[in-house]
PDB file of N, CA and C in Angstrom:
ATOM      1  N   MET A   1       0.848  -1.176   0.000  1.00  0.00           N
ATOM      2  CA  MET A   1       0.000   0.000   0.000  1.00  0.00           C
ATOM      3  C   MET A   1       0.893   1.238   0.000  1.00  0.00           C
ATOM      4  N   GLY A   2       0.353   2.327  -0.416  1.00  0.00           N
ATOM      5  CA  GLY A   2       1.104   3.566  -0.479  1.00  0.00           C
ATOM      6  C   GLY A   2       1.755   3.912   0.845  1.00  0.00           C
ATOM      7  N   GLY A   3       3.039   4.249   0.784  1.00  0.00           N
ATOM      8  CA  GLY A   3       3.740   4.660   1.984  1.00  0.00           C
ATOM      9  C   GLY A   3       4.323   3.537   2.816  1.00  0.00           C
ATOM     10  N   LEU A   4       4.042   2.294   2.460  1.00  0.00           N
ATOM     11  CA  LEU A   4       4.575   1.165   3.216  1.00  0.00           C
ATOM     12  C   LEU A   4       5.805   0.615   2.513  1.00  0.00           C
ATOM     13  N   GLU A   5       6.769   0.158   3.287  1.00  0.00           N
ATOM     14  CA  GLU A   5       7.990  -0.425   2.746  1.00  0.00           C
ATOM     15  C   GLU A   5       7.657  -1.735   2.050  1.00  0.00           C
ATOM     16  N   ALA A   6       8.077  -1.881   0.803  1.00  0.00           N
ATOM     17  CA  ALA A   6       7.754  -3.087   0.050  1.00  0.00           C
ATOM     18  C   ALA A   6       8.981  -3.737  -0.567  1.00  0.00           C
ATOM     19  N   GLY A   7      10.160  -3.276  -0.220  1.00  0.00           N
ATOM     20  CA  GLY A   7      11.365  -3.866  -0.764  1.00  0.00           C
ATOM     21  C   GLY A   7      11.775  -3.208  -2.064  1.00  0.00           C
ATOM     22  N   PRO A   8      12.815  -3.760  -2.709  1.00  0.00           N
ATOM     23  CA  PRO A   8      13.340  -3.148  -3.927  1.00  0.00           C
ATOM     24  C   PRO A   8      12.344  -3.241  -5.091  1.00  0.00           C
ATOM     25  N   VAL A   9      12.436  -2.279  -5.983  1.00  0.00           N
ATOM     26  CA  VAL A   9      11.585  -2.246  -7.170  1.00  0.00           C
ATOM     27  C   VAL A   9      12.341  -2.870  -8.327  1.00  0.00           C
ATOM     28  N   ASN A  10      11.715  -3.833  -8.996  1.00  0.00           N
ATOM     29  CA  ASN A  10      12.307  -4.462 -10.167  1.00  0.00           C
ATOM     30  C   ASN A  10      12.185  -3.491 -11.336  1.00  0.00           C
ATOM     31  N   ARG A  11      13.305  -3.005 -11.838  1.00  0.00           N
ATOM     32  CA  ARG A  11      13.297  -2.018 -12.916  1.00  0.00           C
ATOM     33  C   ARG A  11      13.644  -2.632 -14.269  1.00  0.00           C
ATOM     34  N   ASP A  12      13.599  -3.963 -14.363  1.00  0.00           N
ATOM     35  CA  ASP A  12      13.844  -4.614 -15.644  1.00  0.00           C
ATOM     36  C   ASP A  12      12.759  -4.211 -16.625  1.00  0.00           C
ATOM     37  N   GLY A  13      13.108  -4.228 -17.905  1.00  0.00           N
ATOM     38  CA  GLY A  13      12.143  -3.871 -18.938  1.00  0.00           C
ATOM     39  C   GLY A  13      10.927  -4.782 -18.909  1.00  0.00           C
ATOM     40  N   HIS A  14       9.795  -4.224 -19.249  1.00  0.00           N
ATOM     41  CA  HIS A  14       8.540  -4.981 -19.268  1.00  0.00           C
ATOM     42  C   HIS A  14       7.807  -4.600 -20.540  1.00  0.00           C
ATOM     43  N   ASP A  15       7.479  -5.587 -21.343  1.00  0.00           N
ATOM     44  CA  ASP A  15       6.708  -5.327 -22.547  1.00  0.00           C
ATOM     45  C   ASP A  15       5.238  -5.313 -22.151  1.00  0.00           C
ATOM     46  N   HIS A  16       4.630  -4.150 -22.188  1.00  0.00           N
ATOM     47  CA  HIS A  16       3.239  -4.014 -21.752  1.00  0.00           C
ATOM     48  C   HIS A  16       2.283  -4.677 -22.732  1.00  0.00           C
ATOM     49  N   ALA A  17       1.295  -5.363 -22.168  1.00  0.00           N
ATOM     50  CA  ALA A  17       0.237  -5.981 -22.973  1.00  0.00           C
ATOM     51  C   ALA A  17      -0.627  -4.868 -23.572  1.00  0.00           C
ATOM     52  N   PRO A  18      -1.287  -5.149 -24.693  1.00  0.00           N
ATOM     53  CA  PRO A  18      -2.146  -4.116 -25.306  1.00  0.00           C
ATOM     54  C   PRO A  18      -3.170  -3.529 -24.334  1.00  0.00           C
ATOM     55  N   TRP A  19      -3.772  -4.369 -23.487  1.00  0.00           N
ATOM     56  CA  TRP A  19      -4.780  -3.831 -22.558  1.00  0.00           C
ATOM     57  C   TRP A  19      -4.153  -2.875 -21.550  1.00  0.00           C
ATOM     58  N   GLU A  20      -2.890  -3.130 -21.159  1.00  0.00           N
ATOM     59  CA  GLU A  20      -2.212  -2.238 -20.219  1.00  0.00           C
ATOM     60  C   GLU A  20      -1.950  -0.881 -20.871  1.00  0.00           C
ATOM     61  N   LYS A  21      -1.577  -0.906 -22.143  1.00  0.00           N
ATOM     62  CA  LYS A  21      -1.357   0.344 -22.880  1.00  0.00           C
ATOM     63  C   LYS A  21      -2.658   1.127 -23.002  1.00  0.00           C
ATOM     64  N   ARG A  22      -3.774   0.417 -23.189  1.00  0.00           N
ATOM     65  CA  ARG A  22      -5.075   1.091 -23.287  1.00  0.00           C
ATOM     66  C   ARG A  22      -5.466   1.721 -21.950  1.00  0.00           C
ATOM     67  N   VAL A  23      -5.192   1.025 -20.846  1.00  0.00           N
ATOM     68  CA  VAL A  23      -5.499   1.578 -19.521  1.00  0.00           C
ATOM     69  C   VAL A  23      -4.684   2.853 -19.302  1.00  0.00           C
ATOM     70  N   ASP A  24      -3.403   2.818 -19.658  1.00  0.00           N
ATOM     71  CA  ASP A  24      -2.548   3.991 -19.516  1.00  0.00           C
ATOM     72  C   ASP A  24      -3.071   5.144 -20.381  1.00  0.00           C
ATOM     73  N   ALA A  25      -3.428   4.840 -21.625  1.00  0.00           N
ATOM     74  CA  ALA A  25      -3.951   5.869 -22.533  1.00  0.00           C
ATOM     75  C   ALA A  25      -5.267   6.443 -22.011  1.00  0.00           C
ATOM     76  N   LEU A  26      -6.111   5.594 -21.452  1.00  0.00           N
ATOM     77  CA  LEU A  26      -7.382   6.055 -20.899  1.00  0.00           C
ATOM     78  C   LEU A  26      -7.139   7.043 -19.761  1.00  0.00           C
ATOM     79  N   MET A  27      -6.177   6.756 -18.896  1.00  0.00           N
ATOM     80  CA  MET A  27      -5.882   7.669 -17.792  1.00  0.00           C
ATOM     81  C   MET A  27      -5.365   8.998 -18.328  1.00  0.00           C
ATOM     82  N   VAL A  28      -4.525   8.955 -19.359  1.00  0.00           N
ATOM     83  CA  VAL A  28      -4.026  10.199 -19.966  1.00  0.00           C
ATOM     84  C   VAL A  28      -5.196  11.020 -20.502  1.00  0.00           C
ATOM     85  N   LEU A  29      -6.107  10.368 -21.219  1.00  0.00           N
ATOM     86  CA  LEU A  29      -7.266  11.073 -21.779  1.00  0.00           C
ATOM     87  C   LEU A  29      -8.167  11.645 -20.688  1.00  0.00           C
ATOM     88  N   LEU A  30      -8.430  10.856 -19.655  1.00  0.00           N
ATOM     89  CA  LEU A  30      -9.274  11.336 -18.556  1.00  0.00           C
ATOM     90  C   LEU A  30      -8.616  12.518 -17.842  1.00  0.00           C
ATOM     91  N   GLY A  31      -7.298  12.478 -17.739  1.00  0.00           N
ATOM     92  CA  GLY A  31      -6.569  13.590 -17.131  1.00  0.00           C
ATOM     93  C   GLY A  31      -6.632  14.839 -17.983  1.00  0.00           C
ATOM     94  N   ARG A  32      -6.426  14.684 -19.280  1.00  0.00           N
ATOM     95  CA  ARG A  32      -6.457  15.841 -20.187  1.00  0.00           C
ATOM     96  C   ARG A  32      -7.837  16.479 -20.256  1.00  0.00           C
ATOM     97  N   GLN A  33      -8.870  15.667 -20.067  1.00  0.00           N
ATOM     98  CA  GLN A  33     -10.238  16.188 -20.078  1.00  0.00           C
ATOM     99  C   GLN A  33     -10.632  16.792 -18.730  1.00  0.00           C
ATOM    100  N   GLY A  34      -9.740  16.678 -17.740  1.00  0.00           N
ATOM    101  CA  GLY A  34     -10.030  17.218 -16.418  1.00  0.00           C
ATOM    102  C   GLY A  34     -11.007  16.370 -15.619  1.00  0.00           C
ATOM    103  N   ILE A  35     -11.154  15.104 -16.023  1.00  0.00           N
ATOM    104  CA  ILE A  35     -12.106  14.213 -15.356  1.00  0.00           C
ATOM    105  C   ILE A  35     -11.473  13.548 -14.138  1.00  0.00           C
ATOM    106  N   LEU A  36     -10.224  13.087 -14.284  1.00  0.00           N
ATOM    107  CA  LEU A  36      -9.506  12.444 -13.176  1.00  0.00           C
ATOM    108  C   LEU A  36      -8.104  13.024 -13.076  1.00  0.00           C
ATOM    109  N   THR A  37      -7.576  13.035 -11.858  1.00  0.00           N
ATOM    110  CA  THR A  37      -6.192  13.452 -11.640  1.00  0.00           C
ATOM    111  C   THR A  37      -5.388  12.259 -11.125  1.00  0.00           C
ATOM    112  N   VAL A  38      -4.087  12.383 -11.204  1.00  0.00           N
ATOM    113  CA  VAL A  38      -3.208  11.333 -10.688  1.00  0.00           C
ATOM    114  C   VAL A  38      -3.420  11.164  -9.182  1.00  0.00           C
ATOM    115  N   ASP A  39      -3.653  12.271  -8.488  1.00  0.00           N
ATOM    116  CA  ASP A  39      -3.905  12.181  -7.043  1.00  0.00           C
ATOM    117  C   ASP A  39      -5.174  11.388  -6.756  1.00  0.00           C
ATOM    118  N   GLU A  40      -6.213  11.587  -7.568  1.00  0.00           N
ATOM    119  CA  GLU A  40      -7.445  10.815  -7.390  1.00  0.00           C
ATOM    120  C   GLU A  40      -7.204   9.345  -7.694  1.00  0.00           C
ATOM    121  N   LEU A  41      -6.421   9.087  -8.748  1.00  0.00           N
ATOM    122  CA  LEU A  41      -6.087   7.702  -9.095  1.00  0.00           C
ATOM    123  C   LEU A  41      -5.397   7.030  -7.911  1.00  0.00           C
ATOM    124  N   ARG A  42      -4.427   7.717  -7.321  1.00  0.00           N
ATOM    125  CA  ARG A  42      -3.692   7.175  -6.174  1.00  0.00           C
ATOM    126  C   ARG A  42      -4.642   6.922  -4.998  1.00  0.00           C
ATOM    127  N   ARG A  43      -5.500   7.885  -4.706  1.00  0.00           N
ATOM    128  CA  ARG A  43      -6.468   7.710  -3.612  1.00  0.00           C
ATOM    129  C   ARG A  43      -7.348   6.496  -3.877  1.00  0.00           C
ATOM    130  N   GLY A  44      -7.811   6.367  -5.123  1.00  0.00           N
ATOM    131  CA  GLY A  44      -8.656   5.230  -5.479  1.00  0.00           C
ATOM    132  C   GLY A  44      -7.943   3.899  -5.306  1.00  0.00           C
ATOM    133  N   ILE A  45      -6.667   3.875  -5.645  1.00  0.00           N
ATOM    134  CA  ILE A  45      -5.880   2.646  -5.482  1.00  0.00           C
ATOM    135  C   ILE A  45      -5.737   2.320  -3.997  1.00  0.00           C
ATOM    136  N   GLU A  46      -5.445   3.326  -3.187  1.00  0.00           N
ATOM    137  CA  GLU A  46      -5.296   3.093  -1.746  1.00  0.00           C
ATOM    138  C   GLU A  46      -6.608   2.641  -1.118  1.00  0.00           C
ATOM    139  N   GLU A  47      -7.731   3.110  -1.650  1.00  0.00           N
ATOM    140  CA  GLU A  47      -9.036   2.727  -1.110  1.00  0.00           C
ATOM    141  C   GLU A  47      -9.461   1.312  -1.514  1.00  0.00           C
ATOM    142  N   LEU A  48      -8.723   0.686  -2.425  1.00  0.00           N
ATOM    143  CA  LEU A  48      -9.040  -0.693  -2.808  1.00  0.00           C
ATOM    144  C   LEU A  48      -8.855  -1.641  -1.627  1.00  0.00           C
ATOM    145  N   GLY A  49      -7.984  -1.280  -0.705  1.00  0.00           N
ATOM    146  CA  GLY A  49      -7.700  -2.141   0.439  1.00  0.00           C
ATOM    147  C   GLY A  49      -6.506  -3.035   0.168  1.00  0.00           C
ATOM    148  N   ALA A  50      -5.918  -3.529   1.240  1.00  0.00           N
ATOM    149  CA  ALA A  50      -4.681  -4.308   1.152  1.00  0.00           C
ATOM    150  C   ALA A  50      -4.853  -5.593   0.353  1.00  0.00           C
ATOM    151  N   ASP A  51      -5.975  -6.291   0.514  1.00  0.00           N
ATOM    152  CA  ASP A  51      -6.183  -7.558  -0.192  1.00  0.00           C
ATOM    153  C   ASP A  51      -6.192  -7.350  -1.701  1.00  0.00           C
ATOM    154  N   ALA A  52      -6.984  -6.399  -2.168  1.00  0.00           N
ATOM    155  CA  ALA A  52      -7.053  -6.120  -3.606  1.00  0.00           C
ATOM    156  C   ALA A  52      -5.721  -5.574  -4.100  1.00  0.00           C
ATOM    157  N   TYR A  53      -5.092  -4.715  -3.309  1.00  0.00           N
ATOM    158  CA  TYR A  53      -3.807  -4.141  -3.696  1.00  0.00           C
ATOM    159  C   TYR A  53      -2.777  -5.243  -3.937  1.00  0.00           C
ATOM    160  N   ASP A  54      -2.755  -6.230  -3.058  1.00  0.00           N
ATOM    161  CA  ASP A  54      -1.803  -7.338  -3.197  1.00  0.00           C
ATOM    162  C   ASP A  54      -2.171  -8.278  -4.337  1.00  0.00           C
ATOM    163  N   ARG A  55      -3.450  -8.455  -4.591  1.00  0.00           N
ATOM    164  CA  ARG A  55      -3.922  -9.422  -5.579  1.00  0.00           C
ATOM    165  C   ARG A  55      -3.867  -8.872  -7.011  1.00  0.00           C
ATOM    166  N   TYR A  56      -4.141  -7.585  -7.195  1.00  0.00           N
ATOM    167  CA  TYR A  56      -4.201  -6.999  -8.538  1.00  0.00           C
ATOM    168  C   TYR A  56      -2.818  -6.631  -9.047  1.00  0.00           C
ATOM    169  N   SER A  57      -2.664  -6.709 -10.352  1.00  0.00           N
ATOM    170  CA  SER A  57      -1.436  -6.219 -10.978  1.00  0.00           C
ATOM    171  C   SER A  57      -1.477  -4.688 -11.002  1.00  0.00           C
ATOM    172  N   TYR A  58      -0.378  -4.098 -11.393  1.00  0.00           N
ATOM    173  CA  TYR A  58      -0.256  -2.634 -11.443  1.00  0.00           C
ATOM    174  C   TYR A  58      -1.408  -2.000 -12.218  1.00  0.00           C
ATOM    175  N   TYR A  59      -1.627  -2.443 -13.451  1.00  0.00           N
ATOM    176  CA  TYR A  59      -2.670  -1.824 -14.275  1.00  0.00           C
ATOM    177  C   TYR A  59      -4.073  -2.299 -13.894  1.00  0.00           C
ATOM    178  N   GLU A  60      -4.195  -3.445 -13.271  1.00  0.00           N
ATOM    179  CA  GLU A  60      -5.504  -3.839 -12.732  1.00  0.00           C
ATOM    180  C   GLU A  60      -5.910  -2.875 -11.615  1.00  0.00           C
ATOM    181  N   ARG A  61      -4.935  -2.441 -10.814  1.00  0.00           N
ATOM    182  CA  ARG A  61      -5.223  -1.448  -9.771  1.00  0.00           C
ATOM    183  C   ARG A  61      -5.683  -0.134 -10.404  1.00  0.00           C
ATOM    184  N   TRP A  62      -4.994   0.280 -11.453  1.00  0.00           N
ATOM    185  CA  TRP A  62      -5.384   1.508 -12.154  1.00  0.00           C
ATOM    186  C   TRP A  62      -6.819   1.384 -12.662  1.00  0.00           C
ATOM    187  N   MET A  63      -7.117   0.245 -13.308  1.00  0.00           N
ATOM    188  CA  MET A  63      -8.442   0.065 -13.895  1.00  0.00           C
ATOM    189  C   MET A  63      -9.523   0.055 -12.818  1.00  0.00           C
ATOM    190  N   ALA A  64      -9.266  -0.640 -11.719  1.00  0.00           N
ATOM    191  CA  ALA A  64     -10.244  -0.677 -10.626  1.00  0.00           C
ATOM    192  C   ALA A  64     -10.447   0.718 -10.042  1.00  0.00           C
ATOM    193  N   SER A  65      -9.363   1.451  -9.851  1.00  0.00           N
ATOM    194  CA  SER A  65      -9.453   2.801  -9.308  1.00  0.00           C
ATOM    195  C   SER A  65     -10.221   3.717 -10.256  1.00  0.00           C
ATOM    196  N   MET A  66      -9.878   3.688 -11.538  1.00  0.00           N
ATOM    197  CA  MET A  66     -10.575   4.540 -12.513  1.00  0.00           C
ATOM    198  C   MET A  66     -12.059   4.206 -12.573  1.00  0.00           C
ATOM    199  N   THR A  67     -12.379   2.927 -12.568  1.00  0.00           N
ATOM    200  CA  THR A  67     -13.787   2.513 -12.606  1.00  0.00           C
ATOM    201  C   THR A  67     -14.533   3.055 -11.397  1.00  0.00           C
ATOM    202  N   ASN A  68     -13.969   2.851 -10.205  1.00  0.00           N
ATOM    203  CA  ASN A  68     -14.617   3.334  -8.981  1.00  0.00           C
ATOM    204  C   ASN A  68     -14.777   4.851  -8.984  1.00  0.00           C
ATOM    205  N   LEU A  69     -13.757   5.561  -9.463  1.00  0.00           N
ATOM    206  CA  LEU A  69     -13.829   7.023  -9.500  1.00  0.00           C
ATOM    207  C   LEU A  69     -14.867   7.511 -10.504  1.00  0.00           C
ATOM    208  N   LEU A  70     -14.943   6.860 -11.667  1.00  0.00           N
ATOM    209  CA  LEU A  70     -15.947   7.253 -12.663  1.00  0.00           C
ATOM    210  C   LEU A  70     -17.357   6.979 -12.155  1.00  0.00           C
ATOM    211  N   LEU A  71     -17.522   5.900 -11.407  1.00  0.00           N
ATOM    212  CA  LEU A  71     -18.817   5.618 -10.774  1.00  0.00           C
ATOM    213  C   LEU A  71     -19.112   6.661  -9.691  1.00  0.00           C
ATOM    214  N   GLU A  72     -18.113   6.957  -8.871  1.00  0.00           N
ATOM    215  CA  GLU A  72     -18.268   7.936  -7.790  1.00  0.00           C
ATOM    216  C   GLU A  72     -18.679   9.309  -8.341  1.00  0.00           C
ATOM    217  N   LYS A  73     -18.079   9.691  -9.472  1.00  0.00           N
ATOM    218  CA  LYS A  73     -18.365  10.995 -10.078  1.00  0.00           C
ATOM    219  C   LYS A  73     -19.606  10.960 -10.976  1.00  0.00           C
ATOM    220  N   ARG A  74     -20.208   9.786 -11.076  1.00  0.00           N
ATOM    221  CA  ARG A  74     -21.410   9.584 -11.886  1.00  0.00           C
ATOM    222  C   ARG A  74     -21.166   9.876 -13.376  1.00  0.00           C
ATOM    223  N   ILE A  75     -19.944   9.636 -13.810  1.00  0.00           N
ATOM    224  CA  ILE A  75     -19.619   9.735 -15.232  1.00  0.00           C
ATOM    225  C   ILE A  75     -20.198   8.507 -15.931  1.00  0.00           C
ATOM    226  N   ILE A  76     -20.142   7.374 -15.240  1.00  0.00           N
ATOM    227  CA  ILE A  76     -20.786   6.142 -15.700  1.00  0.00           C
ATOM    228  C   ILE A  76     -21.677   5.638 -14.569  1.00  0.00           C
ATOM    229  N   GLU A  77     -22.635   4.789 -14.921  1.00  0.00           N
ATOM    230  CA  GLU A  77     -23.548   4.200 -13.937  1.00  0.00           C
ATOM    231  C   GLU A  77     -23.303   2.694 -13.879  1.00  0.00           C
ATOM    232  N   VAL A  78     -23.632   2.086 -12.763  1.00  0.00           N
ATOM    233  CA  VAL A  78     -23.394   0.654 -12.566  1.00  0.00           C
ATOM    234  C   VAL A  78     -24.100  -0.168 -13.642  1.00  0.00           C
ATOM    235  N   ASP A  79     -25.397   0.140 -13.937  1.00  0.00           N
ATOM    236  CA  ASP A  79     -26.114  -0.683 -14.932  1.00  0.00           C
ATOM    237  C   ASP A  79     -25.493  -0.523 -16.313  1.00  0.00           C
ATOM    238  N   GLU A  80     -25.081   0.685 -16.635  1.00  0.00           N
ATOM    239  CA  GLU A  80     -24.441   0.952 -17.917  1.00  0.00           C
ATOM    240  C   GLU A  80     -23.153   0.121 -18.037  1.00  0.00           C
ATOM    241  N   LEU A  81     -22.380   0.092 -16.978  1.00  0.00           N
ATOM    242  CA  LEU A  81     -21.142  -0.685 -16.958  1.00  0.00           C
ATOM    243  C   LEU A  81     -21.445  -2.173 -17.096  1.00  0.00           C
ATOM    244  N   GLY A  82     -22.438  -2.656 -16.349  1.00  0.00           N
ATOM    245  CA  GLY A  82     -22.824  -4.067 -16.420  1.00  0.00           C
ATOM    246  C   GLY A  82     -23.306  -4.464 -17.803  1.00  0.00           C
ATOM    247  N   GLU A  83     -24.111  -3.599 -18.429  1.00  0.00           N
ATOM    248  CA  GLU A  83     -24.609  -3.887 -19.780  1.00  0.00           C
ATOM    249  C   GLU A  83     -23.460  -3.984 -20.773  1.00  0.00           C
ATOM    250  N   ARG A  84     -22.529  -3.046 -20.686  1.00  0.00           N
ATOM    251  CA  ARG A  84     -21.395  -3.047 -21.620  1.00  0.00           C
ATOM    252  C   ARG A  84     -20.514  -4.276 -21.404  1.00  0.00           C
ATOM    253  N   MET A  85     -20.303  -4.648 -20.149  1.00  0.00           N
ATOM    254  CA  MET A  85     -19.503  -5.842 -19.861  1.00  0.00           C
ATOM    255  C   MET A  85     -20.185  -7.089 -20.415  1.00  0.00           C
ATOM    256  N   ALA A  86     -21.509  -7.162 -20.305  1.00  0.00           N
ATOM    257  CA  ALA A  86     -22.263  -8.300 -20.847  1.00  0.00           C
ATOM    258  C   ALA A  86     -22.144  -8.344 -22.366  1.00  0.00           C
ATOM    259  N   GLU A  87     -22.204  -7.183 -23.021  1.00  0.00           N
ATOM    260  CA  GLU A  87     -22.045  -7.127 -24.480  1.00  0.00           C
ATOM    261  C   GLU A  87     -20.675  -7.655 -24.897  1.00  0.00           C
ATOM    262  N   ILE A  88     -19.664  -7.245 -24.171  1.00  0.00           N
ATOM    263  CA  ILE A  88     -18.302  -7.689 -24.491  1.00  0.00           C
ATOM    264  C   ILE A  88     -18.179  -9.193 -24.291  1.00  0.00           C
ATOM    265  N   GLU A  89     -18.715  -9.705 -23.190  1.00  0.00           N
ATOM    266  CA  GLU A  89     -18.660 -11.147 -22.915  1.00  0.00           C
ATOM    267  C   GLU A  89     -19.401 -11.928 -23.993  1.00  0.00           C
ATOM    268  N   THR A  90     -20.562 -11.447 -24.412  1.00  0.00           N
ATOM    269  CA  THR A  90     -21.326 -12.108 -25.475  1.00  0.00           C
ATOM    270  C   THR A  90     -20.515 -12.128 -26.761  1.00  0.00           C
ATOM    271  N   GLY A  91     -19.894 -11.020 -27.086  1.00  0.00           N
ATOM    272  CA  GLY A  91     -19.059 -10.945 -28.285  1.00  0.00           C
ATOM    273  C   GLY A  91     -17.901 -11.919 -28.242  1.00  0.00           C
ATOM    274  N   ARG A  92     -17.308 -12.087 -27.077  1.00  0.00           N
ATOM    275  CA  ARG A  92     -16.201 -13.044 -26.926  1.00  0.00           C
ATOM    276  C   ARG A  92     -16.691 -14.469 -27.151  1.00  0.00           C
ATOM    277  N   ARG A  93     -17.848 -14.789 -26.553  1.00  0.00           N
ATOM    278  CA  ARG A  93     -18.395 -16.144 -26.709  1.00  0.00           C
ATOM    279  C   ARG A  93     -18.722 -16.428 -28.169  1.00  0.00           C
ATOM    280  N   GLU A  94     -19.288 -15.449 -28.853  1.00  0.00           N
ATOM    281  CA  GLU A  94     -19.655 -15.633 -30.261  1.00  0.00           C
ATOM    282  C   GLU A  94     -18.425 -15.762 -31.146  1.00  0.00           C
ATOM    283  N   ALA A  95     -17.319 -15.179 -30.730  1.00  0.00           N
ATOM    284  CA  ALA A  95     -16.091 -15.237 -31.516  1.00  0.00           C
ATOM    285  C   ALA A  95     -15.354 -16.561 -31.358  1.00  0.00           C
ATOM    286  N   LEU A  96     -15.712 -17.340 -30.341  1.00  0.00           N
ATOM    287  CA  LEU A  96     -15.044 -18.629 -30.128  1.00  0.00           C
ATOM    288  C   LEU A  96     -15.440 -19.616 -31.220  1.00  0.00           C
ATOM    289  N   PRO A  97     -14.465 -20.440 -31.636  1.00  0.00           N
ATOM    290  CA  PRO A  97     -14.769 -21.432 -32.693  1.00  0.00           C
ATOM    291  C   PRO A  97     -15.705 -22.521 -32.206  1.00  0.00           C
TER     292      PRO A  97
END
């Protein structure tokens, strides 16, 4: 969690997955539009709690924080998010051979 000693940081190169690049780009866009700030992102990550913080990857934490903040600010609604997630899941199932 923020502010706690966690040992050395591995600074080896990491090839980011496409979804991680999209999460990063989304945060840049939300920041440029004045919708979210880095400080809000950090607060949202800290509010996930220790269990989620330990379980989620770096960009999963970002995505969870951004989602919670967009819901908190009423930029998106829970049903809208659920409907879109269902559409994506249906599309994935239909794409399977």
